Amino acid sequence: MRYVLAMSAPPLFIIIGAPAAGKSSTGRAVAERFPRSLHIPVDDLRDMVRSGLSLPSPEWKPEFRRQLSLARLSAVDMARRYRRAGFTVVVDDFIDPGGLAEYNQAFAKGRVVKICLRPDRAAAVARNAARATNDDERAYLEEGIMVTYAEIEAQAAQLESDGWVFVDNTHLAIEETAEKITAMV
């Protein structure tokens, strides 16, 4: 189903979650439901760094945080520009110990649907195993799943207070998850 909204107020969706939670697939599916939309995977912005890329690790190094903040601020700038042009925008990202300050501050007002995809850990680990290309990648992402789930649990009350909605997509197909999210506008 495609949604048609007034040009003056296109929605903005921010979808967060752990690795293998379905953020990018769901983000694409949500964006495809609108006649004019943009999907911004923050990981893709981070991957544009050709030299000096800092990767996530359990230590959350200062350089990684700096680069993540740059990517998020770039996503915010893009989202604002495209929304002003009448596009529905979907941003997908993950949570870190610093929280989601860039989004909470930039989009404190207006039509923003903030979603935290939260399949059970076993489902995320299984999805990761199915998509990883080798054992090193599988282990790295599985560690990321565990660290991210710990952050989501540690910040759950604050996320809810900030208006984030938790969606358990353990047993939902991508299209079912997208339908559930778009029904929130």
N, C-alpha and C. Protein backbone atom coordinates (compact mmCIF):
# COMPACT_ATOMS: atom_id res chain seq x y z
N MET A 1 0.84 -1.17 0.00
CA MET A 1 0.00 0.00 0.00
C MET A 1 0.89 1.24 0.00
N ARG A 2 0.59 2.21 -0.85
CA ARG A 2 1.33 3.46 -0.91
C ARG A 2 0.53 4.54 -0.20
N TYR A 3 1.23 5.37 0.55
CA TYR A 3 0.59 6.43 1.31
C TYR A 3 0.80 7.75 0.60
N VAL A 4 -0.23 8.56 0.54
CA VAL A 4 -0.14 9.88 -0.04
C VAL A 4 -0.44 10.89 1.07
N LEU A 5 0.50 11.78 1.32
CA LEU A 5 0.35 12.75 2.39
C LEU A 5 0.44 14.16 1.82
N ALA A 6 -0.05 15.11 2.56
CA ALA A 6 0.04 16.50 2.16
C ALA A 6 1.50 16.91 2.02
N MET A 7 1.81 17.67 0.98
CA MET A 7 3.18 18.09 0.70
C MET A 7 3.79 18.89 1.86
N SER A 8 2.97 19.58 2.63
CA SER A 8 3.51 20.46 3.65
C SER A 8 4.05 19.73 4.87
N ALA A 9 3.72 18.49 5.06
CA ALA A 9 4.13 17.83 6.30
C ALA A 9 4.50 16.36 6.09
N PRO A 10 5.51 16.09 5.27
CA PRO A 10 5.87 14.68 5.12
C PRO A 10 6.48 14.14 6.42
N PRO A 11 6.21 12.90 6.72
CA PRO A 11 6.76 12.34 7.96
C PRO A 11 8.25 12.04 7.85
N LEU A 12 8.86 11.96 9.00
CA LEU A 12 10.24 11.51 9.14
C LEU A 12 10.21 10.30 10.04
N PHE A 13 10.83 9.23 9.59
CA PHE A 13 10.94 8.01 10.38
C PHE A 13 12.41 7.83 10.75
N ILE A 14 12.68 7.54 12.00
CA ILE A 14 14.03 7.16 12.43
C ILE A 14 13.90 5.75 13.00
N ILE A 15 14.64 4.83 12.41
CA ILE A 15 14.57 3.42 12.81
C ILE A 15 15.93 3.02 13.36
N ILE A 16 15.94 2.61 14.62
CA ILE A 16 17.18 2.16 15.25
C ILE A 16 17.03 0.70 15.67
N GLY A 17 18.13 0.10 16.03
CA GLY A 17 18.13 -1.27 16.52
C GLY A 17 19.53 -1.84 16.46
N ALA A 18 19.65 -3.08 16.85
CA ALA A 18 20.93 -3.77 16.85
C ALA A 18 21.28 -4.23 15.43
N PRO A 19 22.54 -4.63 15.20
CA PRO A 19 22.86 -5.25 13.93
C PRO A 19 21.92 -6.45 13.70
N ALA A 20 21.47 -6.62 12.47
CA ALA A 20 20.60 -7.72 12.06
C ALA A 20 19.18 -7.62 12.62
N ALA A 21 18.80 -6.44 13.11
CA ALA A 21 17.43 -6.24 13.59
C ALA A 21 16.46 -6.00 12.44
N GLY A 22 16.99 -5.67 11.26
CA GLY A 22 16.15 -5.41 10.11
C GLY A 22 15.98 -3.94 9.80
N LYS A 23 16.88 -3.09 10.31
CA LYS A 23 16.74 -1.64 10.14
C LYS A 23 16.74 -1.20 8.69
N SER A 24 17.75 -1.63 7.93
CA SER A 24 17.87 -1.17 6.55
C SER A 24 16.78 -1.76 5.65
N SER A 25 16.51 -3.03 5.80
CA SER A 25 15.45 -3.66 5.00
C SER A 25 14.10 -3.02 5.31
N THR A 26 13.83 -2.80 6.58
CA THR A 26 12.57 -2.17 6.97
C THR A 26 12.55 -0.72 6.51
N GLY A 27 13.66 -0.01 6.65
CA GLY A 27 13.73 1.37 6.21
C GLY A 27 13.42 1.51 4.72
N ARG A 28 13.99 0.63 3.91
CA ARG A 28 13.69 0.65 2.47
C ARG A 28 12.21 0.38 2.23
N ALA A 29 11.66 -0.60 2.93
CA ALA A 29 10.25 -0.97 2.74
C ALA A 29 9.32 0.16 3.17
N VAL A 30 9.65 0.86 4.25
CA VAL A 30 8.83 1.99 4.67
C VAL A 30 8.90 3.09 3.61
N ALA A 31 10.10 3.42 3.16
CA ALA A 31 10.27 4.49 2.17
C ALA A 31 9.50 4.19 0.88
N GLU A 32 9.49 2.94 0.47
CA GLU A 32 8.82 2.56 -0.78
C GLU A 32 7.30 2.72 -0.71
N ARG A 33 6.76 2.93 0.45
CA ARG A 33 5.31 3.08 0.61
C ARG A 33 4.82 4.50 0.33
N PHE A 34 5.74 5.41 0.09
CA PHE A 34 5.38 6.81 -0.14
C PHE A 34 5.77 7.22 -1.55
N PRO A 35 5.01 8.14 -2.16
CA PRO A 35 5.28 8.51 -3.55
C PRO A 35 6.62 9.23 -3.75
N ARG A 36 7.07 9.97 -2.74
CA ARG A 36 8.38 10.63 -2.80
C ARG A 36 9.06 10.39 -1.47
N SER A 37 10.17 9.68 -1.52
CA SER A 37 10.82 9.34 -0.26
C SER A 37 12.33 9.19 -0.44
N LEU A 38 13.01 9.26 0.68
CA LEU A 38 14.46 9.09 0.74
C LEU A 38 14.77 8.18 1.91
N HIS A 39 15.62 7.19 1.69
CA HIS A 39 16.08 6.30 2.76
C HIS A 39 17.56 6.62 3.01
N ILE A 40 17.89 6.92 4.27
CA ILE A 40 19.27 7.27 4.63
C ILE A 40 19.80 6.26 5.65
N PRO A 41 20.56 5.25 5.19
CA PRO A 41 21.23 4.36 6.15
C PRO A 41 22.51 5.05 6.66
N VAL A 42 22.56 5.32 7.93
CA VAL A 42 23.72 6.02 8.50
C VAL A 42 24.99 5.21 8.30
N ASP A 43 24.90 3.89 8.32
CA ASP A 43 26.09 3.06 8.05
C ASP A 43 26.66 3.37 6.66
N ASP A 44 25.80 3.64 5.69
CA ASP A 44 26.29 3.98 4.35
C ASP A 44 27.06 5.30 4.36
N LEU A 45 26.59 6.26 5.14
CA LEU A 45 27.32 7.53 5.24
C LEU A 45 28.68 7.29 5.90
N ARG A 46 28.70 6.47 6.93
CA ARG A 46 29.97 6.16 7.59
C ARG A 46 30.93 5.43 6.65
N ASP A 47 30.37 4.54 5.82
CA ASP A 47 31.21 3.77 4.88
C ASP A 47 31.78 4.62 3.75
N MET A 48 31.33 5.86 3.63
CA MET A 48 31.89 6.74 2.60
C MET A 48 33.30 7.21 2.97
N VAL A 49 33.67 7.05 4.23
CA VAL A 49 35.03 7.41 4.65
C VAL A 49 35.99 6.44 3.98
N ARG A 50 36.91 6.97 3.19
CA ARG A 50 37.84 6.13 2.43
C ARG A 50 39.13 5.85 3.17
N SER A 51 39.50 6.70 4.10
CA SER A 51 40.74 6.51 4.84
C SER A 51 40.52 6.99 6.26
N GLY A 52 40.87 6.17 7.23
CA GLY A 52 40.75 6.57 8.63
C GLY A 52 39.43 6.20 9.27
N LEU A 53 38.64 5.32 8.63
CA LEU A 53 37.36 4.91 9.20
C LEU A 53 37.58 4.22 10.54
N SER A 54 36.86 4.66 11.55
CA SER A 54 36.89 4.04 12.87
C SER A 54 35.66 3.13 12.99
N LEU A 55 35.89 1.88 13.30
CA LEU A 55 34.80 0.90 13.40
C LEU A 55 34.29 0.78 14.82
N PRO A 56 33.03 0.39 14.97
CA PRO A 56 32.49 0.19 16.32
C PRO A 56 33.24 -0.92 17.05
N SER A 57 33.34 -0.76 18.35
CA SER A 57 33.94 -1.79 19.20
C SER A 57 33.31 -1.63 20.58
N PRO A 58 33.46 -2.64 21.43
CA PRO A 58 32.86 -2.52 22.77
C PRO A 58 33.36 -1.32 23.57
N GLU A 59 34.55 -0.78 23.22
CA GLU A 59 35.11 0.34 23.97
C GLU A 59 34.53 1.70 23.57
N TRP A 60 33.85 1.82 22.46
CA TRP A 60 33.29 3.09 21.98
C TRP A 60 34.34 4.19 22.03
N LYS A 61 35.34 4.04 21.21
CA LYS A 61 36.48 4.97 21.18
C LYS A 61 36.04 6.37 20.76
N PRO A 62 36.75 7.40 21.27
CA PRO A 62 36.38 8.78 20.95
C PRO A 62 36.32 9.05 19.43
N GLU A 63 37.26 8.50 18.66
CA GLU A 63 37.25 8.75 17.22
C GLU A 63 36.03 8.11 16.56
N PHE A 64 35.63 6.94 17.03
CA PHE A 64 34.41 6.33 16.49
C PHE A 64 33.20 7.20 16.81
N ARG A 65 33.10 7.66 18.05
CA ARG A 65 31.97 8.52 18.42
C ARG A 65 31.94 9.79 17.58
N ARG A 66 33.11 10.38 17.33
CA ARG A 66 33.18 11.58 16.51
C ARG A 66 32.68 11.31 15.09
N GLN A 67 33.14 10.21 14.51
CA GLN A 67 32.73 9.87 13.15
C GLN A 67 31.24 9.52 13.09
N LEU A 68 30.75 8.84 14.10
CA LEU A 68 29.33 8.51 14.15
C LEU A 68 28.50 9.79 14.24
N SER A 69 28.93 10.72 15.06
CA SER A 69 28.22 11.99 15.19
C SER A 69 28.23 12.75 13.86
N LEU A 70 29.35 12.75 13.16
CA LEU A 70 29.42 13.40 11.84
C LEU A 70 28.42 12.77 10.87
N ALA A 71 28.35 11.45 10.86
CA ALA A 71 27.41 10.76 9.97
C ALA A 71 25.97 11.10 10.35
N ARG A 72 25.68 11.11 11.63
CA ARG A 72 24.31 11.43 12.08
C ARG A 72 23.95 12.88 11.74
N LEU A 73 24.86 13.80 11.96
CA LEU A 73 24.57 15.19 11.62
C LEU A 73 24.38 15.36 10.11
N SER A 74 25.14 14.61 9.32
CA SER A 74 24.94 14.62 7.87
C SER A 74 23.57 14.07 7.51
N ALA A 75 23.15 13.00 8.18
CA ALA A 75 21.82 12.43 7.94
C ALA A 75 20.73 13.45 8.32
N VAL A 76 20.93 14.14 9.42
CA VAL A 76 19.97 15.18 9.85
C VAL A 76 19.88 16.27 8.78
N ASP A 77 21.04 16.74 8.29
CA ASP A 77 21.03 17.77 7.25
C ASP A 77 20.29 17.29 6.01
N MET A 78 20.58 16.08 5.57
CA MET A 78 19.91 15.53 4.39
C MET A 78 18.41 15.40 4.64
N ALA A 79 18.05 14.89 5.79
CA ALA A 79 16.63 14.69 6.11
C ALA A 79 15.88 16.02 6.08
N ARG A 80 16.44 17.03 6.67
CA ARG A 80 15.79 18.35 6.69
C ARG A 80 15.61 18.89 5.27
N ARG A 81 16.66 18.80 4.47
CA ARG A 81 16.62 19.33 3.11
C ARG A 81 15.55 18.60 2.28
N TYR A 82 15.54 17.29 2.35
CA TYR A 82 14.57 16.52 1.56
C TYR A 82 13.15 16.69 2.07
N ARG A 83 12.98 16.79 3.38
CA ARG A 83 11.62 17.04 3.92
C ARG A 83 11.08 18.38 3.44
N ARG A 84 11.94 19.39 3.45
CA ARG A 84 11.50 20.70 2.96
C ARG A 84 11.07 20.62 1.49
N ALA A 85 11.66 19.70 0.75
CA ALA A 85 11.31 19.52 -0.67
C ALA A 85 10.11 18.59 -0.84
N GLY A 86 9.50 18.15 0.26
CA GLY A 86 8.29 17.35 0.18
C GLY A 86 8.49 15.84 0.18
N PHE A 87 9.66 15.38 0.59
CA PHE A 87 9.94 13.95 0.63
C PHE A 87 9.71 13.39 2.04
N THR A 88 9.13 12.21 2.11
CA THR A 88 9.15 11.43 3.34
C THR A 88 10.57 10.91 3.49
N VAL A 89 11.10 10.95 4.71
CA VAL A 89 12.48 10.53 4.95
C VAL A 89 12.50 9.41 5.98
N VAL A 90 13.32 8.40 5.70
CA VAL A 90 13.53 7.30 6.63
C VAL A 90 15.03 7.20 6.90
N VAL A 91 15.42 7.37 8.16
CA VAL A 91 16.81 7.24 8.58
C VAL A 91 16.93 5.94 9.36
N ASP A 92 17.97 5.14 9.06
CA ASP A 92 18.19 3.97 9.92
C ASP A 92 19.59 4.04 10.52
N ASP A 93 19.67 3.61 11.78
CA ASP A 93 20.90 3.76 12.56
C ASP A 93 20.87 2.77 13.71
N PHE A 94 21.88 2.80 14.55
CA PHE A 94 21.90 1.98 15.76
C PHE A 94 22.08 2.90 16.95
N ILE A 95 21.95 2.34 18.12
CA ILE A 95 22.10 3.13 19.34
C ILE A 95 23.49 2.91 19.93
N ASP A 96 24.01 3.93 20.60
CA ASP A 96 25.31 3.83 21.24
C ASP A 96 25.20 4.41 22.65
N PRO A 97 26.24 4.27 23.47
CA PRO A 97 26.14 4.77 24.84
C PRO A 97 25.87 6.26 24.94
N GLY A 98 26.21 7.01 23.91
CA GLY A 98 25.94 8.44 23.92
C GLY A 98 24.48 8.76 23.65
N GLY A 99 23.69 7.74 23.38
CA GLY A 99 22.29 7.94 23.07
C GLY A 99 22.10 8.42 21.65
N LEU A 100 21.07 9.13 21.42
CA LEU A 100 20.71 9.59 20.08
C LEU A 100 20.51 11.10 20.08
N ALA A 101 21.42 11.80 20.73
CA ALA A 101 21.28 13.24 20.94
C ALA A 101 21.10 14.00 19.64
N GLU A 102 21.82 13.60 18.58
CA GLU A 102 21.72 14.33 17.31
C GLU A 102 20.29 14.34 16.80
N TYR A 103 19.58 13.22 16.94
CA TYR A 103 18.20 13.14 16.46
C TYR A 103 17.23 13.80 17.44
N ASN A 104 17.41 13.55 18.72
CA ASN A 104 16.49 14.12 19.71
C ASN A 104 16.52 15.64 19.68
N GLN A 105 17.70 16.23 19.48
CA GLN A 105 17.81 17.69 19.43
C GLN A 105 17.30 18.24 18.11
N ALA A 106 17.67 17.60 17.01
CA ALA A 106 17.32 18.12 15.68
C ALA A 106 15.84 17.99 15.36
N PHE A 107 15.22 16.95 15.88
CA PHE A 107 13.83 16.68 15.53
C PHE A 107 12.94 16.67 16.76
N ALA A 108 13.15 17.63 17.64
CA ALA A 108 12.35 17.71 18.87
C ALA A 108 10.90 18.05 18.57
N LYS A 109 10.65 18.71 17.43
CA LYS A 109 9.29 19.09 17.05
C LYS A 109 8.98 18.52 15.67
N GLY A 110 7.71 18.47 15.37
CA GLY A 110 7.30 18.02 14.04
C GLY A 110 6.90 16.56 14.04
N ARG A 111 6.57 16.11 12.87
CA ARG A 111 6.08 14.76 12.68
C ARG A 111 7.24 13.79 12.55
N VAL A 112 7.63 13.18 13.64
CA VAL A 112 8.74 12.23 13.64
C VAL A 112 8.25 10.95 14.29
N VAL A 113 8.44 9.85 13.58
CA VAL A 113 8.10 8.53 14.10
C VAL A 113 9.43 7.87 14.45
N LYS A 114 9.64 7.65 15.76
CA LYS A 114 10.91 7.09 16.26
C LYS A 114 10.68 5.64 16.67
N ILE A 115 11.35 4.75 15.96
CA ILE A 115 11.14 3.31 16.13
C ILE A 115 12.44 2.64 16.57
N CYS A 116 12.34 1.75 17.54
CA CYS A 116 13.45 0.88 17.91
C CYS A 116 13.01 -0.55 17.59
N LEU A 117 13.60 -1.12 16.53
CA LEU A 117 13.30 -2.51 16.19
C LEU A 117 13.98 -3.39 17.23
N ARG A 118 13.21 -4.33 17.75
CA ARG A 118 13.73 -5.14 18.86
C ARG A 118 13.29 -6.59 18.72
N PRO A 119 13.81 -7.27 17.69
CA PRO A 119 13.55 -8.71 17.67
C PRO A 119 14.29 -9.35 18.84
N ASP A 120 13.88 -10.54 19.25
CA ASP A 120 14.64 -11.14 20.35
C ASP A 120 16.07 -11.42 19.88
N ARG A 121 16.98 -11.49 20.83
CA ARG A 121 18.40 -11.64 20.51
C ARG A 121 18.67 -12.86 19.66
N ALA A 122 18.00 -13.96 19.96
CA ALA A 122 18.23 -15.19 19.19
C ALA A 122 17.89 -14.97 17.71
N ALA A 123 16.82 -14.22 17.44
CA ALA A 123 16.45 -13.95 16.05
C ALA A 123 17.51 -13.08 15.37
N ALA A 124 18.02 -12.06 16.07
CA ALA A 124 19.06 -11.21 15.50
C ALA A 124 20.33 -12.01 15.24
N VAL A 125 20.70 -12.88 16.16
CA VAL A 125 21.90 -13.71 15.97
C VAL A 125 21.70 -14.64 14.78
N ALA A 126 20.53 -15.23 14.63
CA ALA A 126 20.25 -16.13 13.50
C ALA A 126 20.27 -15.36 12.18
N ARG A 127 19.70 -14.15 12.15
CA ARG A 127 19.72 -13.34 10.93
C ARG A 127 21.15 -12.98 10.56
N ASN A 128 21.94 -12.64 11.57
CA ASN A 128 23.34 -12.31 11.35
C ASN A 128 24.09 -13.51 10.77
N ALA A 129 23.86 -14.69 11.32
CA ALA A 129 24.55 -15.89 10.83
C ALA A 129 24.20 -16.16 9.38
N ALA A 130 22.97 -15.87 9.00
CA ALA A 130 22.53 -16.12 7.62
C ALA A 130 23.15 -15.14 6.63
N ARG A 131 23.48 -13.94 7.08
CA ARG A 131 23.98 -12.94 6.13
C ARG A 131 25.49 -12.73 6.18
N ALA A 132 26.14 -13.16 7.26
CA ALA A 132 27.59 -12.97 7.38
C ALA A 132 28.32 -13.80 6.32
N THR A 133 29.38 -13.22 5.77
CA THR A 133 30.11 -13.90 4.69
C THR A 133 31.25 -14.79 5.20
N ASN A 134 31.67 -14.60 6.46
CA ASN A 134 32.72 -15.46 7.01
C ASN A 134 32.63 -15.46 8.54
N ASP A 135 33.42 -16.33 9.17
CA ASP A 135 33.35 -16.46 10.63
C ASP A 135 33.77 -15.19 11.36
N ASP A 136 34.78 -14.48 10.84
CA ASP A 136 35.23 -13.25 11.50
C ASP A 136 34.13 -12.19 11.48
N GLU A 137 33.48 -12.04 10.33
CA GLU A 137 32.39 -11.06 10.23
C GLU A 137 31.23 -11.47 11.14
N ARG A 138 30.92 -12.76 11.15
CA ARG A 138 29.83 -13.26 11.99
C ARG A 138 30.12 -12.96 13.46
N ALA A 139 31.33 -13.23 13.92
CA ALA A 139 31.70 -13.00 15.32
C ALA A 139 31.69 -11.51 15.65
N TYR A 140 32.20 -10.69 14.75
CA TYR A 140 32.23 -9.24 14.97
C TYR A 140 30.81 -8.69 15.11
N LEU A 141 29.93 -9.06 14.19
CA LEU A 141 28.56 -8.57 14.25
C LEU A 141 27.79 -9.15 15.43
N GLU A 142 28.07 -10.40 15.79
CA GLU A 142 27.39 -10.98 16.95
C GLU A 142 27.78 -10.23 18.23
N GLU A 143 29.04 -9.85 18.33
CA GLU A 143 29.46 -9.04 19.47
C GLU A 143 28.72 -7.70 19.45
N GLY A 144 28.58 -7.11 18.25
CA GLY A 144 27.83 -5.85 18.12
C GLY A 144 26.38 -6.00 18.54
N ILE A 145 25.79 -7.14 18.22
CA ILE A 145 24.41 -7.40 18.64
C ILE A 145 24.31 -7.38 20.16
N MET A 146 25.21 -8.09 20.81
CA MET A 146 25.18 -8.16 22.27
C MET A 146 25.39 -6.78 22.91
N VAL A 147 26.37 -6.03 22.42
CA VAL A 147 26.66 -4.70 22.97
C VAL A 147 25.46 -3.78 22.74
N THR A 148 24.87 -3.82 21.55
CA THR A 148 23.76 -2.94 21.24
C THR A 148 22.52 -3.30 22.05
N TYR A 149 22.24 -4.58 22.22
CA TYR A 149 21.10 -4.96 23.05
C TYR A 149 21.29 -4.49 24.49
N ALA A 150 22.50 -4.56 24.98
CA ALA A 150 22.77 -4.07 26.34
C ALA A 150 22.49 -2.57 26.42
N GLU A 151 22.86 -1.81 25.38
CA GLU A 151 22.58 -0.36 25.36
C GLU A 151 21.09 -0.09 25.29
N ILE A 152 20.38 -0.84 24.46
CA ILE A 152 18.93 -0.65 24.36
C ILE A 152 18.27 -0.91 25.72
N GLU A 153 18.68 -1.97 26.38
CA GLU A 153 18.11 -2.29 27.69
C GLU A 153 18.47 -1.21 28.72
N ALA A 154 19.72 -0.73 28.68
CA ALA A 154 20.16 0.29 29.63
C ALA A 154 19.43 1.62 29.41
N GLN A 155 19.05 1.90 28.17
CA GLN A 155 18.44 3.18 27.84
C GLN A 155 16.93 3.09 27.58
N ALA A 156 16.34 1.93 27.80
CA ALA A 156 14.92 1.72 27.44
C ALA A 156 13.99 2.77 28.04
N ALA A 157 14.13 3.05 29.31
CA ALA A 157 13.23 4.02 29.94
C ALA A 157 13.40 5.41 29.33
N GLN A 158 14.65 5.81 29.08
CA GLN A 158 14.90 7.13 28.48
C GLN A 158 14.38 7.17 27.04
N LEU A 159 14.59 6.08 26.30
CA LEU A 159 14.08 6.03 24.92
C LEU A 159 12.56 6.21 24.90
N GLU A 160 11.88 5.47 25.76
CA GLU A 160 10.41 5.60 25.82
C GLU A 160 10.01 7.02 26.21
N SER A 161 10.71 7.61 27.16
CA SER A 161 10.43 8.98 27.59
C SER A 161 10.63 9.97 26.44
N ASP A 162 11.60 9.68 25.57
CA ASP A 162 11.89 10.53 24.41
C ASP A 162 10.98 10.24 23.22
N GLY A 163 10.02 9.33 23.39
CA GLY A 163 9.05 9.06 22.33
C GLY A 163 9.38 7.93 21.38
N TRP A 164 10.38 7.13 21.71
CA TRP A 164 10.71 5.99 20.86
C TRP A 164 9.72 4.86 21.12
N VAL A 165 9.29 4.21 20.06
CA VAL A 165 8.35 3.09 20.15
C VAL A 165 9.12 1.81 19.83
N PHE A 166 9.01 0.83 20.71
CA PHE A 166 9.67 -0.46 20.50
C PHE A 166 8.76 -1.36 19.66
N VAL A 167 9.34 -1.94 18.61
CA VAL A 167 8.60 -2.85 17.74
C VAL A 167 9.32 -4.19 17.75
N ASP A 168 8.63 -5.21 18.25
CA ASP A 168 9.18 -6.57 18.23
C ASP A 168 8.87 -7.17 16.86
N ASN A 169 9.89 -7.27 16.03
CA ASN A 169 9.71 -7.81 14.69
C ASN A 169 10.28 -9.22 14.56
N THR A 170 10.36 -9.92 15.69
CA THR A 170 10.91 -11.28 15.69
C THR A 170 10.19 -12.16 14.68
N HIS A 171 8.88 -12.11 14.67
CA HIS A 171 8.08 -13.00 13.82
C HIS A 171 7.36 -12.27 12.70
N LEU A 172 7.77 -11.04 12.41
CA LEU A 172 7.16 -10.27 11.34
C LEU A 172 8.03 -10.28 10.10
N ALA A 173 7.41 -10.41 8.94
CA ALA A 173 8.13 -10.22 7.69
C ALA A 173 8.43 -8.73 7.54
N ILE A 174 9.35 -8.40 6.67
CA ILE A 174 9.72 -7.00 6.47
C ILE A 174 8.51 -6.16 6.12
N GLU A 175 7.68 -6.63 5.21
CA GLU A 175 6.50 -5.87 4.80
C GLU A 175 5.51 -5.69 5.96
N GLU A 176 5.39 -6.69 6.82
CA GLU A 176 4.51 -6.56 7.98
C GLU A 176 5.05 -5.52 8.95
N THR A 177 6.36 -5.51 9.13
CA THR A 177 6.98 -4.52 10.01
C THR A 177 6.79 -3.12 9.42
N ALA A 178 7.02 -2.97 8.11
CA ALA A 178 6.82 -1.68 7.46
C ALA A 178 5.38 -1.20 7.58
N GLU A 179 4.43 -2.10 7.43
CA GLU A 179 3.02 -1.74 7.57
C GLU A 179 2.72 -1.25 8.98
N LYS A 180 3.24 -1.95 9.97
CA LYS A 180 3.03 -1.56 11.36
C LYS A 180 3.60 -0.17 11.63
N ILE A 181 4.76 0.12 11.07
CA ILE A 181 5.40 1.41 11.30
C ILE A 181 4.67 2.53 10.55
N THR A 182 4.31 2.31 9.31
CA THR A 182 3.63 3.37 8.55
C THR A 182 2.24 3.66 9.11
N ALA A 183 1.65 2.69 9.80
CA ALA A 183 0.34 2.92 10.41
C ALA A 183 0.44 3.91 11.57
N MET A 184 1.64 4.23 12.01
CA MET A 184 1.83 5.16 13.14
C MET A 184 1.76 6.63 12.73
N VAL A 185 1.70 6.92 11.41
CA VAL A 185 1.61 8.33 10.99
C VAL A 185 0.16 8.77 10.87
